């Protein structure tokens, strides 16, 4: 019973996502034709194999990326977006308002 109680209270700590430290922060803009994404005022190309992770930690397509979402994004060596992570409100608060 003690182990079960420990697992119930410790589960939220395990559920935290590992956010990439070297990623940039931004806000998504208007929807673009595939493979483009708008972050801030920049139109960026989604890299082949690029991945978008929503706030529930699920992979989504470029067309499901909502305008106005706070995100962390990583660029590859070609300047294309390799990874986008949509931030939860808790992650936004933890990272602060700095972009």
C-alpha atoms as a PDB file:
ATOM      1  CA  UNK A   1       0.000   0.000   0.000  1.00  0.00           C
ATOM      2  CA  UNK A   2       2.848   2.361   0.805  1.00  0.00           C
ATOM      3  CA  UNK A   3       4.382   1.790  -2.627  1.00  0.00           C
ATOM      4  CA  UNK A   4       1.034   2.447  -4.321  1.00  0.00           C
ATOM      5  CA  UNK A   5       0.612   5.701  -2.393  1.00  0.00           C
ATOM      6  CA  UNK A   6       4.126   6.748  -3.388  1.00  0.00           C
ATOM      7  CA  UNK A   7       3.427   6.055  -7.064  1.00  0.00           C
ATOM      8  CA  UNK A   8       0.184   8.051  -7.018  1.00  0.00           C
ATOM      9  CA  UNK A   9       1.861  11.144  -5.536  1.00  0.00           C
ATOM     10  CA  UNK A  10       5.064  10.851  -7.549  1.00  0.00           C
ATOM     11  CA  UNK A  11       3.366  10.374 -10.938  1.00  0.00           C
ATOM     12  CA  UNK A  12       3.039  14.118 -11.712  1.00  0.00           C
ATOM     13  CA  UNK A  13       6.782  14.546 -11.239  1.00  0.00           C
ATOM     14  CA  UNK A  14       7.480  11.784 -13.755  1.00  0.00           C
ATOM     15  CA  UNK A  15       4.991  13.307 -16.199  1.00  0.00           C
ATOM     16  CA  UNK A  16       7.082  16.453 -16.744  1.00  0.00           C
ATOM     17  CA  UNK A  17       8.428  16.725 -20.257  1.00  0.00           C
ATOM     18  CA  UNK A  18      12.066  17.246 -21.003  1.00  0.00           C
ATOM     19  CA  UNK A  19      12.224  20.499 -22.955  1.00  0.00           C
ATOM     20  CA  UNK A  20      15.230  21.044 -25.215  1.00  0.00           C
ATOM     21  CA  UNK A  21      17.573  23.557 -23.573  1.00  0.00           C
ATOM     22  CA  UNK A  22      19.004  24.902 -26.833  1.00  0.00           C
ATOM     23  CA  UNK A  23      15.586  25.636 -28.373  1.00  0.00           C
ATOM     24  CA  UNK A  24      14.286  29.110 -29.184  1.00  0.00           C
ATOM     25  CA  UNK A  25      10.960  30.366 -27.911  1.00  0.00           C
ATOM     26  CA  UNK A  26       8.290  31.907 -30.101  1.00  0.00           C
ATOM     27  CA  UNK A  27       4.623  32.247 -30.949  1.00  0.00           C
ATOM     28  CA  UNK A  28       3.091  30.615 -33.993  1.00  0.00           C
ATOM     29  CA  UNK A  29       1.594  32.873 -36.615  1.00  0.00           C
ATOM     30  CA  UNK A  30      -0.898  32.310 -39.376  1.00  0.00           C
ATOM     31  CA  UNK A  31      -1.207  28.878 -40.928  1.00  0.00           C
ATOM     32  CA  UNK A  32       1.014  28.319 -43.941  1.00  0.00           C
ATOM     33  CA  UNK A  33       1.049  25.871 -46.818  1.00  0.00           C
ATOM     34  CA  UNK A  34       3.011  22.700 -46.054  1.00  0.00           C
ATOM     35  CA  UNK A  35       5.989  22.518 -45.364  1.00  0.00           C
ATOM     36  CA  UNK A  36       6.107  26.127 -44.088  1.00  0.00           C
ATOM     37  CA  UNK A  37       5.378  27.293 -40.521  1.00  0.00           C
ATOM     38  CA  UNK A  38       5.239  30.844 -39.235  1.00  0.00           C
ATOM     39  CA  UNK A  39       6.915  31.527 -35.902  1.00  0.00           C
ATOM     40  CA  UNK A  40       6.896  35.150 -34.904  1.00  0.00           C
ATOM     41  CA  UNK A  41       7.227  37.096 -38.142  1.00  0.00           C
ATOM     42  CA  UNK A  42       9.450  34.494 -39.808  1.00  0.00           C
ATOM     43  CA  UNK A  43       8.249  31.913 -42.295  1.00  0.00           C
ATOM     44  CA  UNK A  44      10.342  28.815 -41.705  1.00  0.00           C
ATOM     45  CA  UNK A  45      10.475  25.521 -43.549  1.00  0.00           C
ATOM     46  CA  UNK A  46       9.664  22.334 -41.625  1.00  0.00           C
ATOM     47  CA  UNK A  47      12.588  19.955 -42.133  1.00  0.00           C
ATOM     48  CA  UNK A  48      12.030  16.507 -43.635  1.00  0.00           C
ATOM     49  CA  UNK A  49      11.244  14.346 -40.629  1.00  0.00           C
ATOM     50  CA  UNK A  50      10.488  17.439 -38.546  1.00  0.00           C
ATOM     51  CA  UNK A  51       8.191  16.771 -35.619  1.00  0.00           C
ATOM     52  CA  UNK A  52       5.577  18.867 -33.813  1.00  0.00           C
ATOM     53  CA  UNK A  53       4.676  17.877 -30.247  1.00  0.00           C
ATOM     54  CA  UNK A  54       1.466  19.274 -28.737  1.00  0.00           C
ATOM     55  CA  UNK A  55       0.868  20.182 -25.095  1.00  0.00           C
ATOM     56  CA  UNK A  56      -0.336  16.617 -24.396  1.00  0.00           C
ATOM     57  CA  UNK A  57       3.027  15.274 -25.607  1.00  0.00           C
ATOM     58  CA  UNK A  58       1.517  13.809 -28.788  1.00  0.00           C
ATOM     59  CA  UNK A  59       2.876  14.204 -32.303  1.00  0.00           C
ATOM     60  CA  UNK A  60       0.673  16.340 -34.569  1.00  0.00           C
ATOM     61  CA  UNK A  61       0.800  17.418 -38.205  1.00  0.00           C
ATOM     62  CA  UNK A  62       1.711  20.866 -39.480  1.00  0.00           C
ATOM     63  CA  UNK A  63      -1.953  21.540 -40.312  1.00  0.00           C
ATOM     64  CA  UNK A  64      -2.968  21.009 -36.668  1.00  0.00           C
ATOM     65  CA  UNK A  65      -0.598  23.712 -35.401  1.00  0.00           C
ATOM     66  CA  UNK A  66      -2.842  26.496 -34.077  1.00  0.00           C
ATOM     67  CA  UNK A  67      -1.971  30.190 -34.531  1.00  0.00           C
ATOM     68  CA  UNK A  68      -0.977  31.941 -31.302  1.00  0.00           C
ATOM     69  CA  UNK A  69       0.556  28.876 -29.658  1.00  0.00           C
ATOM     70  CA  UNK A  70       3.593  29.453 -27.436  1.00  0.00           C
ATOM     71  CA  UNK A  71       6.306  27.086 -28.640  1.00  0.00           C
ATOM     72  CA  UNK A  72       9.924  26.063 -28.311  1.00  0.00           C
ATOM     73  CA  UNK A  73      11.532  25.251 -31.651  1.00  0.00           C
ATOM     74  CA  UNK A  74      14.854  23.867 -32.833  1.00  0.00           C
ATOM     75  CA  UNK A  75      16.495  24.523 -36.167  1.00  0.00           C
ATOM     76  CA  UNK A  76      18.760  22.065 -37.937  1.00  0.00           C
ATOM     77  CA  UNK A  77      22.059  23.005 -39.571  1.00  0.00           C
ATOM     78  CA  UNK A  78      20.192  24.026 -42.745  1.00  0.00           C
ATOM     79  CA  UNK A  79      17.995  26.513 -40.862  1.00  0.00           C
ATOM     80  CA  UNK A  80      14.901  24.319 -41.160  1.00  0.00           C
ATOM     81  CA  UNK A  81      12.633  23.569 -38.194  1.00  0.00           C
ATOM     82  CA  UNK A  82      13.544  20.161 -36.827  1.00  0.00           C
ATOM     83  CA  UNK A  83      11.282  20.152 -33.756  1.00  0.00           C
ATOM     84  CA  UNK A  84       8.421  22.252 -32.368  1.00  0.00           C
ATOM     85  CA  UNK A  85       7.108  21.730 -28.832  1.00  0.00           C
ATOM     86  CA  UNK A  86       3.858  23.485 -27.884  1.00  0.00           C
ATOM     87  CA  UNK A  87       4.182  24.706 -24.313  1.00  0.00           C
ATOM     88  CA  UNK A  88       1.608  24.081 -21.599  1.00  0.00           C
ATOM     89  CA  UNK A  89       0.581  27.033 -19.390  1.00  0.00           C
ATOM     90  CA  UNK A  90       2.704  25.551 -16.577  1.00  0.00           C
ATOM     91  CA  UNK A  91       5.762  25.343 -18.831  1.00  0.00           C
ATOM     92  CA  UNK A  92       5.191  28.907 -19.998  1.00  0.00           C
ATOM     93  CA  UNK A  93       5.086  30.086 -16.381  1.00  0.00           C
ATOM     94  CA  UNK A  94       8.199  28.085 -15.507  1.00  0.00           C
ATOM     95  CA  UNK A  95      10.124  29.518 -18.458  1.00  0.00           C
ATOM     96  CA  UNK A  96       8.859  33.048 -17.747  1.00  0.00           C
ATOM     97  CA  UNK A  97       7.766  35.618 -20.274  1.00  0.00           C
ATOM     98  CA  UNK A  98      11.223  35.905 -21.865  1.00  0.00           C
ATOM     99  CA  UNK A  99      11.194  34.940 -25.548  1.00  0.00           C
END
